[in-house]
Protein backbone atom coordinates (compact mmCIF):
# COMPACT_ATOMS: atom_id res chain seq x y z
CA MET A 1 0.00 0.00 0.00
CA PRO A 2 1.34 3.49 -0.83
CA ALA A 3 2.85 5.36 2.08
CA LYS A 4 0.61 7.90 3.74
CA ALA A 5 1.78 11.48 3.31
CA HIS A 6 2.64 13.61 6.35
CA PRO A 7 -0.36 15.64 7.63
CA PHE A 8 1.43 18.90 6.81
CA LEU A 9 1.96 17.77 3.22
CA ARG A 10 -1.69 16.74 2.95
CA ALA A 11 -2.86 20.10 4.31
CA THR A 12 -0.56 21.86 1.82
CA ALA A 13 -1.96 19.73 -1.00
CA VAL A 14 -5.53 20.64 0.00
CA LEU A 15 -4.68 24.35 0.03
CA LEU A 16 -2.98 24.13 -3.37
CA ALA A 17 -5.93 22.19 -4.77
CA ALA A 18 -8.31 24.86 -3.46
CA LEU A 19 -6.29 27.59 -5.15
CA ALA A 20 -6.28 25.59 -8.38
CA LEU A 21 -10.05 25.12 -8.14
CA ILE A 22 -10.70 28.83 -8.51
CA TRP A 23 -8.80 29.07 -11.80
CA PRO A 24 -11.98 30.17 -13.66
CA ALA A 25 -12.35 33.17 -11.34
CA ALA A 26 -8.64 34.00 -11.72
CA ILE A 27 -8.78 33.89 -15.53
CA ASN A 28 -12.11 35.72 -15.52
CA GLY A 29 -10.61 38.55 -13.47
CA GLN A 30 -13.17 38.22 -10.67
CA PRO A 31 -15.59 35.59 -9.29
CA PHE A 32 -18.78 34.99 -11.24
CA PHE A 33 -21.99 36.86 -10.40
CA HIS A 34 -25.68 36.04 -10.72
CA PRO A 35 -28.65 38.40 -10.37
CA ASP A 36 -29.42 36.76 -7.02
CA THR A 37 -25.94 37.59 -5.70
CA LEU A 38 -27.20 41.06 -4.80
CA GLY A 39 -29.86 39.60 -2.50
CA TYR A 40 -27.39 37.34 -0.71
CA VAL A 41 -24.84 40.09 -0.08
CA ARG A 42 -27.26 42.91 0.69
CA GLY A 43 -29.22 41.07 3.41
CA PRO A 44 -26.47 40.69 6.05
CA ASP A 45 -24.93 43.98 4.95
CA VAL A 46 -28.13 45.88 5.68
CA ALA A 47 -28.48 43.97 8.97
CA ALA A 48 -24.97 45.02 10.00
CA MET A 49 -25.77 48.63 9.13
CA LYS A 50 -28.98 48.59 11.19
CA LEU A 51 -27.38 46.88 14.18
CA LEU A 52 -24.01 48.66 14.25
CA GLY A 53 -24.72 51.99 12.59
CA PRO A 54 -24.25 53.64 9.18
CA ARG A 55 -20.47 53.69 9.48
CA PHE A 56 -20.52 49.90 8.97
CA ALA A 57 -22.47 50.20 5.73
CA SER A 58 -20.82 49.11 2.51
CA PRO A 59 -21.87 50.05 -1.05
CA TRP A 60 -24.00 46.88 -1.06
CA ALA A 61 -26.12 48.18 1.82
CA THR A 62 -26.41 51.74 0.60
CA LEU A 63 -27.11 51.12 -3.10
CA ASP A 64 -30.66 51.62 -4.33
CA PRO A 65 -32.21 48.19 -4.99
CA GLY A 66 -34.91 49.87 -7.06
CA ALA A 67 -32.44 51.32 -9.55
CA ALA A 68 -33.36 48.75 -12.17
CA VAL A 69 -37.02 49.66 -12.02
CA LYS A 70 -36.20 53.35 -12.22
CA ALA A 71 -33.97 52.70 -15.23
CA HIS A 72 -36.73 50.67 -16.86
CA GLN A 73 -39.19 53.50 -16.33
CA ALA A 74 -36.66 55.81 -17.98
CA GLY A 75 -36.46 53.56 -20.99
CA GLY A 76 -33.75 51.07 -19.97
CA ALA A 77 -33.89 47.34 -19.32
CA ALA A 78 -35.12 46.02 -15.99
CA ALA A 79 -33.37 43.63 -13.67
CA PRO A 80 -34.88 40.56 -12.06
CA GLY A 81 -35.49 41.35 -8.43
CA GLY A 82 -35.11 45.05 -9.00
CA HIS A 83 -38.41 46.20 -7.51
CA ALA A 84 -38.09 49.17 -5.16
CA TYR A 85 -38.79 47.36 -1.90
CA ASP A 86 -38.98 49.54 1.16
CA ASP A 87 -37.38 48.79 4.52
CA LYS A 88 -40.56 47.11 5.74
CA GLU A 89 -40.43 44.52 2.98
CA VAL A 90 -37.56 42.05 3.33
CA LEU A 91 -37.51 39.50 0.53
CA GLY A 92 -37.12 35.90 1.75
CA GLY A 93 -35.76 32.97 -0.21
CA ARG A 94 -32.15 34.19 0.00
CA SER A 95 -30.24 32.53 2.84
CA ILE A 96 -28.73 35.07 5.18
CA TYR A 97 -26.31 32.33 6.31
CA TYR A 98 -24.78 32.04 2.85
CA GLY A 99 -25.15 35.80 2.68
CA VAL A 100 -22.72 36.18 5.60
CA LEU A 101 -20.08 34.25 3.64
CA ALA A 102 -20.75 36.37 0.55
CA ASP A 103 -20.73 39.61 2.55
CA LEU A 104 -17.40 38.71 4.15
CA GLY A 105 -16.01 38.28 0.66
CA ALA A 106 -17.34 41.69 -0.33
CA ARG A 107 -15.91 43.39 2.75
CA THR A 108 -12.47 41.78 2.40
CA GLY A 109 -12.22 42.81 -1.25
CA GLY A 110 -13.37 41.29 -4.51
CA PHE A 111 -15.19 38.26 -3.03
CA TRP A 112 -11.99 36.20 -3.19
CA LEU A 113 -12.44 35.02 0.41
CA THR A 114 -15.91 33.64 -0.47
CA VAL A 115 -14.73 31.55 -3.40
CA LEU A 116 -11.61 30.39 -1.56
CA VAL A 117 -13.75 29.04 1.31
CA GLN A 118 -15.95 27.25 -1.22
CA ALA A 119 -12.94 25.77 -2.98
CA LEU A 120 -11.41 24.69 0.34
CA ALA A 121 -14.63 22.85 1.21
CA VAL A 122 -14.49 20.90 -2.06
CA ALA A 123 -10.76 20.18 -1.82
CA TRP A 124 -10.94 19.04 1.82
CA LEU A 125 -14.03 16.95 1.12
CA VAL A 126 -12.19 15.10 -1.67
CA GLU A 127 -9.19 14.48 0.59
CA ILE A 128 -11.41 13.01 3.31
CA VAL A 129 -13.26 10.77 0.85
CA LEU A 130 -10.07 9.38 -0.69
CA ARG A 131 -8.45 8.76 2.66
CA GLY A 132 -11.65 7.06 3.86
CA LEU A 133 -11.36 4.72 0.88
CA GLY A 134 -7.73 3.93 1.66
CA LEU A 135 -6.31 6.10 -1.15
CA VAL A 136 -3.69 7.79 0.99
CA SER A 137 -1.07 8.81 -1.59
CA LEU A 138 -0.78 12.39 -2.77
CA ARG A 139 -0.58 11.04 -6.32
CA ALA A 140 -4.10 9.62 -6.02
CA TYR A 141 -5.37 12.90 -4.57
CA ALA A 142 -3.71 14.91 -7.34
CA GLY A 143 -5.22 12.63 -9.99
CA VAL A 144 -8.79 12.91 -8.71
CA MET A 145 -8.49 16.65 -8.12
CA ALA A 146 -7.16 17.11 -11.66
CA VAL A 147 -10.34 15.50 -13.01
CA LEU A 148 -12.51 17.82 -10.91
CA ILE A 149 -10.47 20.95 -11.64
CA LEU A 150 -10.10 20.52 -15.39
CA ALA A 151 -12.96 18.29 -16.50
CA SER A 152 -15.96 18.94 -14.24
CA PRO A 153 -18.08 21.99 -13.35
CA ALA A 154 -16.68 22.00 -9.79
CA ALA A 155 -14.17 24.77 -10.49
CA PHE A 156 -16.79 27.06 -12.02
CA PHE A 157 -19.25 26.58 -9.18
CA ALA A 158 -16.53 27.04 -6.55
CA SER A 159 -15.87 30.39 -8.31
CA PHE A 160 -19.57 31.34 -8.33
CA LEU A 161 -21.05 33.83 -5.85
CA MET A 162 -24.07 31.64 -5.26
CA PRO A 163 -24.72 28.77 -2.80
CA ASP A 164 -24.93 26.26 -5.68
CA VAL A 165 -21.64 24.47 -5.00
CA TRP A 166 -22.81 23.66 -1.46
CA ALA A 167 -25.57 21.39 -2.81
CA GLY A 168 -22.90 19.11 -4.27
CA VAL A 169 -20.80 19.40 -1.12
CA ALA A 170 -23.79 18.31 0.98
CA ILE A 171 -24.49 15.26 -1.20
CA ALA A 172 -20.88 14.08 -1.20
CA ALA A 173 -20.31 14.83 2.50
CA LEU A 174 -23.42 12.96 3.67
CA ALA A 175 -22.70 10.07 1.27
CA ALA A 176 -19.22 9.82 2.81
CA LEU A 177 -20.67 9.75 6.34
CA PHE A 178 -22.89 6.86 5.28
CA ALA A 179 -20.45 4.84 3.18
CA LEU A 180 -17.13 5.50 4.93
CA ARG A 181 -18.24 5.94 8.53
CA GLY A 182 -15.88 3.31 9.97
CA ARG A 183 -12.84 4.83 8.27
CA LEU A 184 -13.23 8.45 9.31
CA ARG A 185 -11.42 10.30 12.08
CA LEU A 186 -13.26 12.51 14.54
CA LEU A 187 -11.97 15.60 12.71
CA ASP A 188 -13.25 14.18 9.41
CA ILE A 189 -16.69 13.58 10.89
CA ALA A 190 -16.79 17.09 12.33
CA ALA A 191 -15.74 18.65 9.01
CA LEU A 192 -18.23 16.65 6.94
CA SER A 193 -20.99 17.39 9.44
CA ALA A 194 -20.24 21.12 9.39
CA MET A 195 -20.26 21.14 5.58
CA THR A 196 -23.62 19.34 5.50
CA VAL A 197 -25.25 21.63 8.05
CA PHE A 198 -23.97 24.81 6.40
CA ALA A 199 -25.14 23.58 2.99
CA ALA A 200 -28.64 22.97 4.37
CA LEU A 201 -28.64 26.50 5.76
CA ALA A 202 -27.28 27.94 2.51
CA HIS A 203 -30.17 26.97 0.23
CA THR A 204 -33.70 25.68 0.78
CA SER A 205 -33.38 22.99 -1.89
CA VAL A 206 -30.67 21.12 0.01
CA ALA A 207 -32.79 19.83 2.93
CA PRO A 208 -35.24 17.80 0.76
CA VAL A 209 -32.30 16.36 -1.20
CA LEU A 210 -30.73 15.24 2.08
CA LEU A 211 -34.00 13.58 3.10
CA VAL A 212 -34.03 11.54 -0.11
CA LEU A 213 -30.36 10.64 0.38
CA MET A 214 -31.10 9.46 3.92
CA ALA A 215 -33.92 7.29 2.59
CA GLY A 216 -31.54 5.85 -0.02
CA ALA A 217 -28.94 4.98 2.61
CA GLY A 218 -31.62 3.34 4.72
CA GLY A 219 -32.70 1.33 1.69
CA LEU A 220 -29.15 0.08 1.08
CA TRP A 221 -28.95 -1.06 4.68
CA LEU A 222 -32.29 -2.88 4.48
CA LEU A 223 -31.14 -4.67 1.33
CA ASP A 224 -27.98 -5.90 3.04
CA ARG A 225 -28.04 -6.02 6.84
CA ARG A 226 -24.37 -7.01 6.87
CA ARG A 227 -23.67 -3.33 6.57
CA SER A 228 -23.53 -1.51 9.89
CA ALA A 229 -26.60 0.58 10.69
CA PRO A 230 -26.32 4.06 9.12
CA VAL A 231 -26.70 5.82 12.46
CA LEU A 232 -24.02 8.47 11.91
CA GLY A 233 -25.31 9.61 8.53
CA LEU A 234 -28.91 9.65 9.72
CA ALA A 235 -27.95 11.69 12.77
CA VAL A 236 -26.00 14.27 10.76
CA GLY A 237 -28.61 14.42 8.00
CA SER A 238 -31.39 14.91 10.54
CA ALA A 239 -29.39 17.61 12.30
CA ALA A 240 -28.82 19.41 8.99
CA VAL A 241 -32.52 19.31 8.07
CA ALA A 242 -33.45 20.50 11.57
CA ALA A 243 -30.88 23.30 11.30
CA ALA A 244 -32.40 24.40 8.00
CA PHE A 245 -35.85 24.72 9.56
CA ALA A 246 -34.52 26.34 12.74
CA GLY A 247 -32.36 28.74 10.72
CA GLY A 248 -35.32 29.79 8.63
CA ALA A 249 -37.44 30.35 11.72
CA ALA A 250 -34.66 32.38 13.36
CA PHE A 251 -34.31 34.56 10.27
CA THR A 252 -38.06 35.15 10.16
CA ALA A 253 -38.10 36.10 13.85
CA MET A 254 -35.14 38.44 13.41
CA VAL A 255 -36.76 40.23 10.45
CA GLU A 256 -40.09 40.48 12.25
CA HIS A 257 -38.40 41.93 15.32
CA THR A 258 -36.36 44.40 13.26
CA VAL A 259 -38.90 45.71 10.74
CA GLY A 260 -42.18 44.63 12.34
CA ALA A 261 -43.18 42.15 9.62
CA PRO A 262 -41.93 38.71 8.48
CA PRO A 263 -40.00 38.34 5.21
CA VAL A 264 -41.92 38.25 1.94
CA THR A 265 -41.39 34.82 0.39
CA PRO A 266 -41.52 34.55 -3.41
CA PRO A 267 -44.35 32.15 -4.33
CA PHE A 268 -42.22 29.46 -5.96
CA LEU A 269 -44.83 26.72 -5.46
CA THR A 270 -47.59 28.81 -7.00
CA ALA A 271 -45.36 29.67 -9.94
CA ARG A 272 -44.56 25.98 -10.45
CA VAL A 273 -48.16 24.71 -10.55
CA VAL A 274 -49.17 27.68 -12.71
CA ALA A 275 -46.43 26.86 -15.21
CA ASP A 276 -47.37 23.16 -15.13
CA GLY A 277 -50.99 23.93 -15.99
CA PRO A 278 -53.09 22.83 -12.99
CA GLY A 279 -52.52 26.16 -11.21
CA THR A 280 -53.53 28.11 -14.29
CA ARG A 281 -56.69 26.04 -14.86
CA PHE A 282 -57.62 26.22 -11.18
CA ALA A 283 -57.18 30.01 -11.05
CA GLN A 284 -59.04 30.62 -14.29
CA ALA A 285 -61.89 28.41 -13.07
CA GLY A 286 -62.35 30.68 -10.05
CA CYS A 287 -60.16 28.78 -7.55
CA GLY A 288 -63.11 26.62 -6.50
CA GLY A 289 -64.65 29.58 -4.73
CA GLN A 290 -61.65 29.96 -2.41
CA ALA A 291 -60.23 33.44 -1.76
CA PHE A 292 -56.72 33.12 -3.17
CA VAL A 293 -55.03 36.36 -4.18
CA VAL A 294 -53.46 34.74 -7.24
CA CYS A 295 -56.95 34.25 -8.70
CA ARG A 296 -57.16 38.01 -9.19
CA TYR A 297 -54.31 37.67 -11.66
CA ALA A 298 -55.83 34.76 -13.60
CA GLY A 299 -56.13 36.91 -16.72
CA ARG A 300 -52.32 37.09 -16.97
CA LEU A 301 -51.93 33.31 -16.96
CA PRO A 302 -50.40 31.03 -18.16
CA LEU A 303 -46.83 32.12 -17.42
CA ASP A 304 -43.62 30.17 -16.94
CA VAL A 305 -41.96 30.21 -13.51
CA ASP A 306 -39.47 33.01 -14.18
CA HIS A 307 -42.03 35.32 -15.77
CA PHE A 308 -44.62 34.67 -13.04
CA LEU A 309 -42.07 35.61 -10.37
CA TRP A 310 -39.85 38.21 -12.00
CA GLY A 311 -41.69 39.58 -15.05
CA GLN A 312 -41.55 43.37 -15.01
CA THR A 313 -44.86 44.29 -16.67
CA ASP A 314 -48.53 43.48 -16.20
CA ARG A 315 -48.39 41.42 -19.38
CA ASP A 316 -45.55 39.07 -18.43
CA GLY A 317 -45.44 38.95 -14.64
CA VAL A 318 -47.39 38.68 -11.40
CA PHE A 319 -45.31 38.71 -8.21
CA GLN A 320 -42.83 41.41 -9.16
CA THR A 321 -45.48 43.84 -10.36
CA ALA A 322 -48.03 43.21 -7.59
CA SER A 323 -48.65 45.63 -4.72
CA PRO A 324 -46.68 45.09 -1.49
CA ALA A 325 -49.79 43.66 0.20
CA ASP A 326 -50.43 41.24 -2.67
CA ARG A 327 -46.77 40.15 -2.79
CA ARG A 328 -46.91 39.22 0.86
CA ALA A 329 -50.24 37.42 0.41
CA LEU A 330 -48.96 35.50 -2.63
CA GLY A 331 -46.05 34.19 -0.59
CA GLU A 332 -48.17 33.26 2.42
CA GLU A 333 -50.82 31.41 0.42
CA GLN A 334 -48.55 29.49 -1.95
CA ALA A 335 -48.60 26.14 -0.13
CA ARG A 336 -52.39 26.22 0.24
CA PHE A 337 -52.93 27.27 -3.36
CA ALA A 338 -50.54 24.65 -4.75
CA LEU A 339 -52.22 21.92 -2.69
CA ALA A 340 -55.68 23.03 -3.83
CA ALA A 341 -54.59 23.04 -7.49
CA VAL A 342 -53.02 19.59 -7.16
CA ARG A 343 -56.17 18.23 -5.53
CA ALA A 344 -58.23 19.63 -8.40
CA TYR A 345 -56.01 18.12 -11.12
CA PRO A 346 -53.89 15.40 -9.45
CA MET A 347 -53.01 13.34 -12.53
CA ASP A 348 -52.14 16.40 -14.61
CA GLN A 349 -49.77 17.63 -11.92
CA ALA A 350 -48.26 14.16 -11.46
CA ARG A 351 -47.50 13.92 -15.18
CA ALA A 352 -46.07 17.44 -15.28
CA SER A 353 -43.89 16.88 -12.19
CA LEU A 354 -42.53 13.60 -13.56
CA ALA A 355 -41.75 15.25 -16.89
CA ASN A 356 -40.00 18.15 -15.13
CA ALA A 357 -37.85 15.78 -13.05
CA ILE A 358 -36.86 13.76 -16.13
CA ARG A 359 -36.06 16.93 -18.08
CA GLN A 360 -33.94 18.23 -15.21
CA VAL A 361 -31.90 15.00 -15.06
CA GLY A 362 -30.79 15.58 -18.64
CA ASP A 363 -30.51 19.36 -18.47
CA SER A 364 -27.18 20.65 -17.18
CA ASP A 365 -24.77 23.22 -18.54
CA ILE A 366 -22.50 26.11 -17.56
CA SER A 367 -24.00 28.75 -19.84
CA ASP A 368 -24.55 31.09 -16.86
CA PHE A 369 -20.81 31.77 -16.79
CA ASP A 370 -21.01 33.88 -19.95
CA TYR A 371 -23.04 37.02 -19.31
CA LYS A 372 -25.65 37.58 -22.03
CA PRO A 373 -26.55 41.20 -22.99
CA SER A 374 -29.67 41.31 -20.81
CA LEU A 375 -27.68 39.98 -17.86
CA ARG A 376 -24.94 42.56 -18.39
CA GLN A 377 -27.56 45.30 -18.33
CA THR A 378 -28.98 43.84 -15.12
CA PHE A 379 -25.56 43.95 -13.45
CA ILE A 380 -24.85 47.49 -14.64
CA GLN A 381 -28.12 48.72 -13.15
CA SER A 382 -28.16 46.80 -9.89
CA LEU A 383 -24.59 46.27 -8.63
CA PRO A 384 -22.25 48.79 -6.95
CA ALA A 385 -20.26 50.90 -9.39
CA GLU A 386 -16.88 49.55 -8.25
CA THR A 387 -18.01 45.97 -8.86
CA VAL A 388 -19.38 46.86 -12.29
CA ARG A 389 -16.12 48.58 -13.27
CA ALA A 390 -14.16 45.43 -12.48
CA MET A 391 -16.79 43.25 -14.17
CA ALA A 392 -16.51 45.24 -17.42
CA HIS A 393 -12.99 43.83 -17.86
CA SER A 394 -13.96 40.20 -17.15
CA ARG A 395 -14.10 37.43 -19.74
CA ALA A 396 -17.67 36.61 -18.72
CA PHE A 397 -18.78 40.18 -19.45
CA ALA A 398 -17.25 39.87 -22.94
CA GLU A 399 -18.87 36.42 -23.44
CA ALA A 400 -15.35 35.11 -24.05
CA TRP A 401 -15.67 31.78 -22.25
CA PRO A 402 -15.93 28.76 -24.60
CA VAL A 403 -18.68 27.31 -22.43
CA GLU A 404 -19.95 24.85 -25.04
CA ALA A 405 -16.47 23.42 -25.64
CA LEU A 406 -15.78 23.20 -21.90
CA TRP A 407 -19.09 21.48 -21.27
CA GLY A 408 -18.38 19.09 -24.16
CA LEU A 409 -15.03 18.18 -22.59
CA GLN A 410 -16.63 17.62 -19.20
CA THR A 411 -19.34 15.45 -20.73
CA ALA A 412 -16.75 13.41 -22.65
CA VAL A 413 -14.69 12.84 -19.50
CA MET A 414 -17.81 11.77 -17.61
CA GLY A 415 -18.66 9.30 -20.38
CA ALA A 416 -15.12 7.89 -20.38
CA LEU A 417 -15.24 7.41 -16.60
CA VAL A 418 -18.57 5.59 -16.86
CA LEU A 419 -17.27 3.29 -19.60
CA ALA A 420 -14.08 2.56 -17.69
CA ALA A 421 -16.03 1.76 -14.54
CA ALA A 422 -18.39 -0.53 -16.46
CA ALA A 423 -15.45 -2.37 -18.05
CA LEU A 424 -13.78 -2.94 -14.68
CA MET A 425 -17.02 -4.15 -13.11
CA LEU A 426 -17.47 -6.70 -15.90
CA ARG A 427 -13.90 -7.94 -15.73
CA ARG A 428 -13.76 -8.56 -12.01
CA PRO A 429 -16.47 -8.19 -9.36
CA SER A 430 -15.71 -6.05 -6.35
CA GLY A 431 -14.69 -8.13 -3.40
CA SER A 432 -12.67 -6.09 -0.94
CA GLY A 433 -14.22 -4.01 1.79
CA ARG A 434 -12.69 -0.86 0.34
CA GLU A 435 -14.26 -1.52 -3.05
CA ARG A 436 -17.66 -2.19 -1.52
CA ARG A 437 -17.43 1.09 0.36
CA ALA A 438 -16.47 2.88 -2.85
CA LEU A 439 -19.47 1.39 -4.66
CA ASP A 440 -21.76 2.35 -1.78
CA PHE A 441 -20.41 5.91 -2.01
CA LEU A 442 -21.00 5.92 -5.78
CA ALA A 443 -24.55 4.58 -5.38
CA LEU A 444 -25.41 7.28 -2.85
CA ILE A 445 -23.94 9.97 -5.10
CA VAL A 446 -26.25 8.77 -7.88
CA VAL A 447 -29.21 8.93 -5.47
CA GLY A 448 -28.24 12.46 -4.46
CA VAL A 449 -27.81 13.70 -8.03
CA LEU A 450 -31.19 12.24 -9.05
CA ALA A 451 -32.81 13.66 -5.91
CA ASN A 452 -31.46 17.10 -6.78
CA ALA A 453 -33.02 16.84 -10.24
CA GLY A 454 -36.34 15.78 -8.76
CA VAL A 455 -36.44 18.50 -6.11
CA CYS A 456 -35.46 21.29 -8.51
CA GLY A 457 -37.63 20.08 -11.38
CA VAL A 458 -40.73 19.45 -9.28
CA LEU A 459 -40.56 22.39 -6.86
CA SER A 460 -38.72 25.08 -8.83
CA SER A 461 -37.95 25.25 -12.55
CA VAL A 462 -35.92 23.21 -15.02
CA ASN A 463 -32.58 24.98 -15.35
CA GLY A 464 -29.24 23.68 -16.59
CA ARG A 465 -27.46 25.29 -13.67
CA TYR A 466 -29.42 23.31 -11.10
CA GLU A 467 -28.09 19.92 -12.17
CA ALA A 468 -24.63 21.14 -13.18
CA ARG A 469 -24.11 22.36 -9.60
CA VAL A 470 -24.05 18.75 -8.31
CA ILE A 471 -22.99 16.67 -11.31
CA TRP A 472 -19.32 17.06 -10.35
CA CYS A 473 -19.95 14.60 -7.51
CA ALA A 474 -20.28 11.79 -10.07
CA PRO A 475 -16.76 12.08 -11.54
CA LEU A 476 -15.45 12.36 -7.98
CA ALA A 477 -17.04 9.01 -7.04
CA LEU A 478 -16.14 7.34 -10.35
CA ALA A 479 -12.54 8.56 -10.38
CA ALA A 480 -12.07 7.49 -6.75
CA TRP A 481 -13.45 4.02 -7.45
CA LEU A 482 -11.30 3.61 -10.58
CA MET A 483 -8.23 4.79 -8.69
CA LEU A 484 -9.00 2.26 -5.96
CA ARG A 485 -9.37 -0.57 -8.47
CA LEU A 486 -6.05 0.29 -10.08
CA GLN A 487 -4.37 0.45 -6.68
CA SER A 488 -5.86 -2.90 -5.66
CA ARG A 489 -4.65 -4.48 -8.90
CA ALA A 490 -1.15 -3.10 -8.36
CA GLU A 491 -1.12 -4.43 -4.79
CA ARG A 492 -2.23 -7.90 -5.97
CA GLU A 493 0.41 -7.97 -8.69
CA ALA A 494 3.07 -6.86 -6.20
CA ALA A 495 1.97 -9.58 -3.76
CA LEU A 496 2.12 -12.23 -6.51
CA GLY A 497 5.56 -11.02 -7.58
CA LEU A 498 6.81 -11.18 -4.00
CA ALA A 499 5.43 -14.68 -3.55
CA GLY A 500 7.08 -15.80 -6.80
CA SER A 501 10.45 -14.43 -5.80
CA GLU A 502 10.26 -16.11 -2.40
CA ALA A 503 9.42 -19.41 -4.08
């Protein structure tokens, strides 16, 4: 077996891998932005200003979030989320916990701290997984990291000022706690647990994915009771889900205490069933006599999810153009309205949800890392001037990234890994405990990736970014398993050679 590297060397390798992971941001000239980045950064920044005084305000807290709407009224383009909310209307749906990480990056200059923390999480996670599988050499770590850095979306999402990368981190971390639990040190368990909990706090879609992953791990154990009971993974997963709910409740209480009203939650569920059809039919049929606010907007339907939520005119939007009172009501009633629409047309919704989940499985890309003209206009109108000046010199702003070629390379590498794994499985069945653990880890990664597609497709909208944010977990699991098989073969050949020489 290869010699285990000194802990200092391993820590150095993790740091170097993290720095290598943010190569897209380095070449781009700055980390990558999304229209929602403003909401994540502005929330904790405004909170700091209110709690500690105006001298702690940054440009993100003092900028006018209604600038996009004002520009639109003056004849310019409008930005998603650019409505002129007042201080009494705090928009929910943007995790203040991820916002703290983003805000720290803004305050320390250029958001480099944010993306470095994200890259460190991925790099450390990979190191823990490989060591848990018995792959202790730095050569094995360098090989797997090279696949992730150069031929997976991991580097782009680590460089992205959005909580997306944490969805993949959560899947891989919890899968490791299930599959490798007997091979992990206390520090490893603490690190993986912290990553899982933070990921659940960072985005609302992570908690339901973790629930499906926990069910998958329980199913594996029921199929083969020779495995030890998945107590550790279930405990950490349950704690992460509980933290997500508690964190949301704490944020709501904080906002209500500060501004006198709870956050306004965008009606994602209403938008989903409206786009699928049952919500539109139910609203246009009078909502069964029930007093839902969305029924007053039935004449604007049908609309897809993005237009329902963020459309800027009465012709192509609902939530964004509604009055403050209606926006709050739309958010509060969304679960009841969605349930009523599903009860009215259960089979139609079931077919639509299944189709959305299937479409999301096959829909993944990195097109968001080239800023289209409308997105550039959004950033110009809604971000601080200093950030926009730096962005104007980025490759993404110039649409200079060969995103299609990069995605083609990543897809080709994924296909090659799958074919190599299939060939090795056919040639020799897995027998060692390490290989069984590696296959368990791979199986749980597949469950997590499919669960992510189902959650996003059924509850939100089909978007290439949603699946690309987690698909990098698959080459991690495949490359680790292939590396383990090659190492096992080399060890067997070395043992046979030694036996022959002794004979």
